[in-house]
Amino acid sequence: MRSTRTVEISTGLFVLLGFAALFFMVTQITNRELSVDGGSYDVTARFENIGSLKPGAAVSMAGVTVGRVDSITFDQSVYKAVVKMRIASNYNRIPNDSDAAIMTSGLLGGQYIGITAGGSEEYLKAGDRIELVQDALVLENLINQLVASFMSKKDDQSSSSGGQNKTEEAKQ
């Protein structure tokens, strides 16, 4: 009787500890704070596919968070997603020919925007738009392309081997 109670209490503590660890991880993953000491400025980029990018996602350069995604809207005139990014003003020397790509942190992690610096001597300023963009890679699309590629190779092999059999039968 005593050992059963001890097992129940230790199991309950283990589950409670698991929930506390899960809560801690969720608060760390969804941390959207951006240290903006001297303000910030907004830039935009237009993407054909943003995947699962969300407002509050990080904007980074060389692995350093330089801003956050402020909002995502849809431009019906060009049928693209418009991503507004808020960049901390202490990162005011980003070349205006830089490119922005939607990237994924880890295999199943959240998405963020990675900016790669260009070579221009002019810098992004409030209201500018990043022209060079790379859309999000959607895992389902990649899998569909892979399956389609295998299916077309299989069809090519079966039709070429079928043609060889008919040629061999004609020779006999």
C-alpha atoms as a PDB file:
ATOM      1  CA  MET A   1       0.000   0.000   0.000  1.00  0.00           C
ATOM      2  CA  ARG A   2       2.825   2.345   0.935  1.00  0.00           C
ATOM      3  CA  SER A   3       4.838   1.586  -2.249  1.00  0.00           C
ATOM      4  CA  THR A   4       1.770   2.187  -4.440  1.00  0.00           C
ATOM      5  CA  ARG A   5       1.335   5.649  -2.951  1.00  0.00           C
ATOM      6  CA  THR A   6       5.045   6.412  -3.477  1.00  0.00           C
ATOM      7  CA  VAL A   7       4.802   5.336  -7.130  1.00  0.00           C
ATOM      8  CA  GLU A   8       1.706   7.513  -7.633  1.00  0.00           C
ATOM      9  CA  ILE A   9       3.360  10.567  -6.069  1.00  0.00           C
ATOM     10  CA  SER A  10       6.580  10.126  -8.066  1.00  0.00           C
ATOM     11  CA  THR A  11       4.577   9.647 -11.282  1.00  0.00           C
ATOM     12  CA  GLY A  12       2.578  12.786 -10.547  1.00  0.00           C
ATOM     13  CA  LEU A  13       5.762  14.767  -9.886  1.00  0.00           C
ATOM     14  CA  PHE A  14       7.288  13.439 -13.101  1.00  0.00           C
ATOM     15  CA  VAL A  15       4.225  14.514 -15.124  1.00  0.00           C
ATOM     16  CA  LEU A  16       4.214  17.910 -13.389  1.00  0.00           C
ATOM     17  CA  LEU A  17       7.901  18.357 -14.187  1.00  0.00           C
ATOM     18  CA  GLY A  18       7.183  17.424 -17.819  1.00  0.00           C
ATOM     19  CA  PHE A  19       4.462  20.084 -18.063  1.00  0.00           C
ATOM     20  CA  ALA A  20       6.800  22.666 -16.500  1.00  0.00           C
ATOM     21  CA  ALA A  21       9.506  21.805 -19.057  1.00  0.00           C
ATOM     22  CA  LEU A  22       6.964  22.031 -21.891  1.00  0.00           C
ATOM     23  CA  PHE A  23       5.761  25.411 -20.617  1.00  0.00           C
ATOM     24  CA  PHE A  24       9.344  26.667 -20.445  1.00  0.00           C
ATOM     25  CA  MET A  25      10.062  25.534 -24.021  1.00  0.00           C
ATOM     26  CA  VAL A  26       6.901  27.187 -25.361  1.00  0.00           C
ATOM     27  CA  THR A  27       7.750  30.487 -23.705  1.00  0.00           C
ATOM     28  CA  GLN A  28      11.289  30.362 -25.116  1.00  0.00           C
ATOM     29  CA  ILE A  29      10.169  29.494 -28.653  1.00  0.00           C
ATOM     30  CA  THR A  30       7.519  32.187 -28.795  1.00  0.00           C
ATOM     31  CA  ASN A  31       9.714  34.889 -27.302  1.00  0.00           C
ATOM     32  CA  ARG A  32       8.923  37.853 -29.550  1.00  0.00           C
ATOM     33  CA  GLU A  33      10.765  40.567 -27.768  1.00  0.00           C
ATOM     34  CA  LEU A  34      13.158  42.718 -29.764  1.00  0.00           C
ATOM     35  CA  SER A  35      15.602  44.944 -28.025  1.00  0.00           C
ATOM     36  CA  VAL A  36      14.921  48.253 -29.694  1.00  0.00           C
ATOM     37  CA  ASP A  37      16.980  50.824 -27.848  1.00  0.00           C
ATOM     38  CA  GLY A  38      16.863  53.660 -30.333  1.00  0.00           C
ATOM     39  CA  GLY A  39      13.744  52.761 -32.310  1.00  0.00           C
ATOM     40  CA  SER A  40      13.290  50.831 -35.504  1.00  0.00           C
ATOM     41  CA  TYR A  41      12.441  51.184 -39.172  1.00  0.00           C
ATOM     42  CA  ASP A  42      10.153  49.181 -41.464  1.00  0.00           C
ATOM     43  CA  VAL A  43      11.054  47.473 -44.732  1.00  0.00           C
ATOM     44  CA  THR A  44       8.912  45.168 -46.867  1.00  0.00           C
ATOM     45  CA  ALA A  45       9.408  42.210 -49.180  1.00  0.00           C
ATOM     46  CA  ARG A  46       6.996  40.426 -51.527  1.00  0.00           C
ATOM     47  CA  PHE A  47       6.944  36.637 -51.607  1.00  0.00           C
ATOM     48  CA  GLU A  48       5.008  34.192 -53.776  1.00  0.00           C
ATOM     49  CA  ASN A  49       4.894  31.641 -50.938  1.00  0.00           C
ATOM     50  CA  ILE A  50       5.558  32.381 -47.275  1.00  0.00           C
ATOM     51  CA  GLY A  51       4.928  28.839 -45.998  1.00  0.00           C
ATOM     52  CA  SER A  52       4.042  29.053 -42.319  1.00  0.00           C
ATOM     53  CA  LEU A  53       5.809  32.355 -41.586  1.00  0.00           C
ATOM     54  CA  LYS A  54       4.006  34.245 -38.817  1.00  0.00           C
ATOM     55  CA  PRO A  55       4.084  37.793 -37.460  1.00  0.00           C
ATOM     56  CA  GLY A  56       6.675  37.953 -34.705  1.00  0.00           C
ATOM     57  CA  ALA A  57       9.091  35.628 -36.497  1.00  0.00           C
ATOM     58  CA  ALA A  58      12.740  36.615 -36.373  1.00  0.00           C
ATOM     59  CA  VAL A  59      14.541  38.546 -39.086  1.00  0.00           C
ATOM     60  CA  SER A  60      18.218  37.673 -38.934  1.00  0.00           C
ATOM     61  CA  MET A  61      21.545  38.304 -40.617  1.00  0.00           C
ATOM     62  CA  ALA A  62      24.438  35.897 -40.123  1.00  0.00           C
ATOM     63  CA  GLY A  63      22.456  34.199 -37.340  1.00  0.00           C
ATOM     64  CA  VAL A  64      21.926  37.434 -35.395  1.00  0.00           C
ATOM     65  CA  THR A  65      18.356  38.632 -34.875  1.00  0.00           C
ATOM     66  CA  VAL A  66      18.130  42.144 -36.316  1.00  0.00           C
ATOM     67  CA  GLY A  67      14.361  42.497 -36.329  1.00  0.00           C
ATOM     68  CA  ARG A  68      10.955  40.843 -36.355  1.00  0.00           C
ATOM     69  CA  VAL A  69       8.175  40.261 -38.863  1.00  0.00           C
ATOM     70  CA  ASP A  70       5.633  42.968 -38.087  1.00  0.00           C
ATOM     71  CA  SER A  71       2.747  41.985 -40.358  1.00  0.00           C
ATOM     72  CA  ILE A  72       1.821  39.863 -43.359  1.00  0.00           C
ATOM     73  CA  THR A  73      -0.764  40.976 -45.915  1.00  0.00           C
ATOM     74  CA  PHE A  74      -1.816  39.912 -49.401  1.00  0.00           C
ATOM     75  CA  ASP A  75      -1.440  42.241 -52.393  1.00  0.00           C
ATOM     76  CA  GLN A  76      -4.295  41.378 -54.758  1.00  0.00           C
ATOM     77  CA  SER A  77      -2.815  43.346 -57.641  1.00  0.00           C
ATOM     78  CA  VAL A  78       0.305  41.139 -57.902  1.00  0.00           C
ATOM     79  CA  TYR A  79      -0.988  38.072 -55.995  1.00  0.00           C
ATOM     80  CA  LYS A  80       1.900  38.032 -53.552  1.00  0.00           C
ATOM     81  CA  ALA A  81       2.286  38.105 -49.792  1.00  0.00           C
ATOM     82  CA  VAL A  82       3.693  41.384 -48.493  1.00  0.00           C
ATOM     83  CA  VAL A  83       5.840  40.892 -45.398  1.00  0.00           C
ATOM     84  CA  LYS A  84       6.539  44.001 -43.331  1.00  0.00           C
ATOM     85  CA  MET A  85       9.660  43.700 -41.195  1.00  0.00           C
ATOM     86  CA  ARG A  86      10.625  45.943 -38.306  1.00  0.00           C
ATOM     87  CA  ILE A  87      14.417  46.275 -38.142  1.00  0.00           C
ATOM     88  CA  ALA A  88      16.168  47.677 -35.060  1.00  0.00           C
ATOM     89  CA  SER A  89      17.678  51.065 -35.888  1.00  0.00           C
ATOM     90  CA  ASN A  90      21.131  50.062 -34.675  1.00  0.00           C
ATOM     91  CA  TYR A  91      21.227  47.790 -37.772  1.00  0.00           C
ATOM     92  CA  ASN A  92      20.976  50.714 -40.187  1.00  0.00           C
ATOM     93  CA  ARG A  93      23.783  49.639 -42.527  1.00  0.00           C
ATOM     94  CA  ILE A  94      22.051  46.834 -44.414  1.00  0.00           C
ATOM     95  CA  PRO A  95      22.839  47.270 -48.146  1.00  0.00           C
ATOM     96  CA  ASN A  96      19.743  48.038 -50.221  1.00  0.00           C
ATOM     97  CA  ASP A  97      20.559  45.233 -52.689  1.00  0.00           C
ATOM     98  CA  SER A  98      20.417  42.572 -49.951  1.00  0.00           C
ATOM     99  CA  ASP A  99      18.206  39.540 -50.429  1.00  0.00           C
ATOM    100  CA  ALA A 100      15.648  38.016 -48.079  1.00  0.00           C
ATOM    101  CA  ALA A 101      14.855  34.308 -47.862  1.00  0.00           C
ATOM    102  CA  ILE A 102      12.294  32.457 -45.781  1.00  0.00           C
ATOM    103  CA  MET A 103      14.188  29.796 -43.880  1.00  0.00           C
ATOM    104  CA  THR A 104      13.358  27.059 -41.414  1.00  0.00           C
ATOM    105  CA  SER A 105      15.190  26.607 -38.125  1.00  0.00           C
ATOM    106  CA  GLY A 106      15.899  22.899 -37.866  1.00  0.00           C
ATOM    107  CA  LEU A 107      13.994  20.115 -39.557  1.00  0.00           C
ATOM    108  CA  LEU A 108      10.578  20.918 -38.114  1.00  0.00           C
ATOM    109  CA  GLY A 109      11.280  24.302 -36.532  1.00  0.00           C
ATOM    110  CA  GLY A 110       9.602  27.612 -37.071  1.00  0.00           C
ATOM    111  CA  GLN A 111      10.263  29.812 -40.060  1.00  0.00           C
ATOM    112  CA  TYR A 112      12.122  33.089 -40.071  1.00  0.00           C
ATOM    113  CA  ILE A 113      13.531  35.554 -42.595  1.00  0.00           C
ATOM    114  CA  GLY A 114      17.235  35.434 -43.289  1.00  0.00           C
ATOM    115  CA  ILE A 115      18.775  38.488 -44.926  1.00  0.00           C
ATOM    116  CA  THR A 116      22.011  38.123 -46.880  1.00  0.00           C
ATOM    117  CA  ALA A 117      23.942  41.354 -47.328  1.00  0.00           C
ATOM    118  CA  GLY A 118      24.440  42.720 -50.818  1.00  0.00           C
ATOM    119  CA  GLY A 119      27.327  44.845 -52.009  1.00  0.00           C
ATOM    120  CA  SER A 120      25.697  48.251 -52.435  1.00  0.00           C
ATOM    121  CA  GLU A 121      27.066  51.339 -50.749  1.00  0.00           C
ATOM    122  CA  GLU A 122      23.507  52.581 -50.148  1.00  0.00           C
ATOM    123  CA  TYR A 123      21.560  51.210 -47.206  1.00  0.00           C
ATOM    124  CA  LEU A 124      17.954  50.222 -46.525  1.00  0.00           C
ATOM    125  CA  LYS A 125      15.871  52.971 -44.987  1.00  0.00           C
ATOM    126  CA  ALA A 126      12.314  53.218 -43.680  1.00  0.00           C
ATOM    127  CA  GLY A 127       9.751  52.262 -46.307  1.00  0.00           C
ATOM    128  CA  ASP A 128      12.187  50.490 -48.667  1.00  0.00           C
ATOM    129  CA  ARG A 129      11.392  47.155 -50.263  1.00  0.00           C
ATOM    130  CA  ILE A 130      13.777  44.227 -50.573  1.00  0.00           C
ATOM    131  CA  GLU A 131      13.506  43.162 -54.211  1.00  0.00           C
ATOM    132  CA  LEU A 132      15.552  39.955 -54.209  1.00  0.00           C
ATOM    133  CA  VAL A 133      13.578  37.275 -52.364  1.00  0.00           C
ATOM    134  CA  GLN A 134      13.543  33.510 -52.048  1.00  0.00           C
ATOM    135  CA  ASP A 135      10.225  31.890 -51.198  1.00  0.00           C
ATOM    136  CA  ALA A 136       9.692  29.302 -48.491  1.00  0.00           C
ATOM    137  CA  LEU A 137      10.379  25.685 -49.320  1.00  0.00           C
ATOM    138  CA  VAL A 138       7.220  23.749 -48.584  1.00  0.00           C
ATOM    139  CA  LEU A 139       7.975  20.171 -47.541  1.00  0.00           C
ATOM    140  CA  GLU A 140       4.797  18.791 -49.130  1.00  0.00           C
ATOM    141  CA  ASN A 141       5.741  20.301 -52.523  1.00  0.00           C
ATOM    142  CA  LEU A 142       9.219  18.782 -52.337  1.00  0.00           C
ATOM    143  CA  ILE A 143       7.791  15.354 -51.517  1.00  0.00           C
ATOM    144  CA  ASN A 144       5.285  15.630 -54.398  1.00  0.00           C
ATOM    145  CA  GLN A 145       8.100  16.543 -56.813  1.00  0.00           C
ATOM    146  CA  LEU A 146      10.186  13.624 -55.574  1.00  0.00           C
ATOM    147  CA  VAL A 147       7.317  11.172 -56.003  1.00  0.00           C
ATOM    148  CA  ALA A 148       6.539  12.546 -59.474  1.00  0.00           C
ATOM    149  CA  SER A 149      10.199  12.193 -60.430  1.00  0.00           C
ATOM    150  CA  PHE A 150      10.293   8.552 -59.303  1.00  0.00           C
ATOM    151  CA  MET A 151       7.027   7.804 -61.088  1.00  0.00           C
ATOM    152  CA  SER A 152       8.246   9.309 -64.367  1.00  0.00           C
ATOM    153  CA  LYS A 153      11.525   7.334 -64.157  1.00  0.00           C
ATOM    154  CA  LYS A 154       9.560   4.168 -63.463  1.00  0.00           C
ATOM    155  CA  ASP A 155       7.297   4.849 -66.466  1.00  0.00           C
ATOM    156  CA  ASP A 156      10.324   5.567 -68.680  1.00  0.00           C
ATOM    157  CA  GLN A 157      12.002   2.316 -67.617  1.00  0.00           C
ATOM    158  CA  SER A 158       8.888   0.205 -68.168  1.00  0.00           C
ATOM    159  CA  SER A 159       8.230   1.705 -71.612  1.00  0.00           C
ATOM    160  CA  SER A 160      11.870   1.278 -72.705  1.00  0.00           C
ATOM    161  CA  SER A 161      12.033  -2.317 -71.438  1.00  0.00           C
ATOM    162  CA  GLY A 162       8.690  -3.038 -73.114  1.00  0.00           C
ATOM    163  CA  GLY A 163      10.075  -1.765 -76.408  1.00  0.00           C
ATOM    164  CA  GLN A 164      13.161  -3.992 -76.090  1.00  0.00           C
ATOM    165  CA  ASN A 165      11.001  -7.079 -75.537  1.00  0.00           C
ATOM    166  CA  LYS A 166       8.998  -6.352 -78.689  1.00  0.00           C
ATOM    167  CA  THR A 167      12.209  -5.892 -80.689  1.00  0.00           C
ATOM    168  CA  GLU A 168      13.596  -9.201 -79.398  1.00  0.00           C
ATOM    169  CA  GLU A 169      10.314 -10.973 -80.253  1.00  0.00           C
ATOM    170  CA  ALA A 170      10.414  -9.563 -83.791  1.00  0.00           C
ATOM    171  CA  LYS A 171      13.996 -10.872 -84.303  1.00  0.00           C
ATOM    172  CA  GLN A 172      12.953 -14.425 -83.367  1.00  0.00           C
END
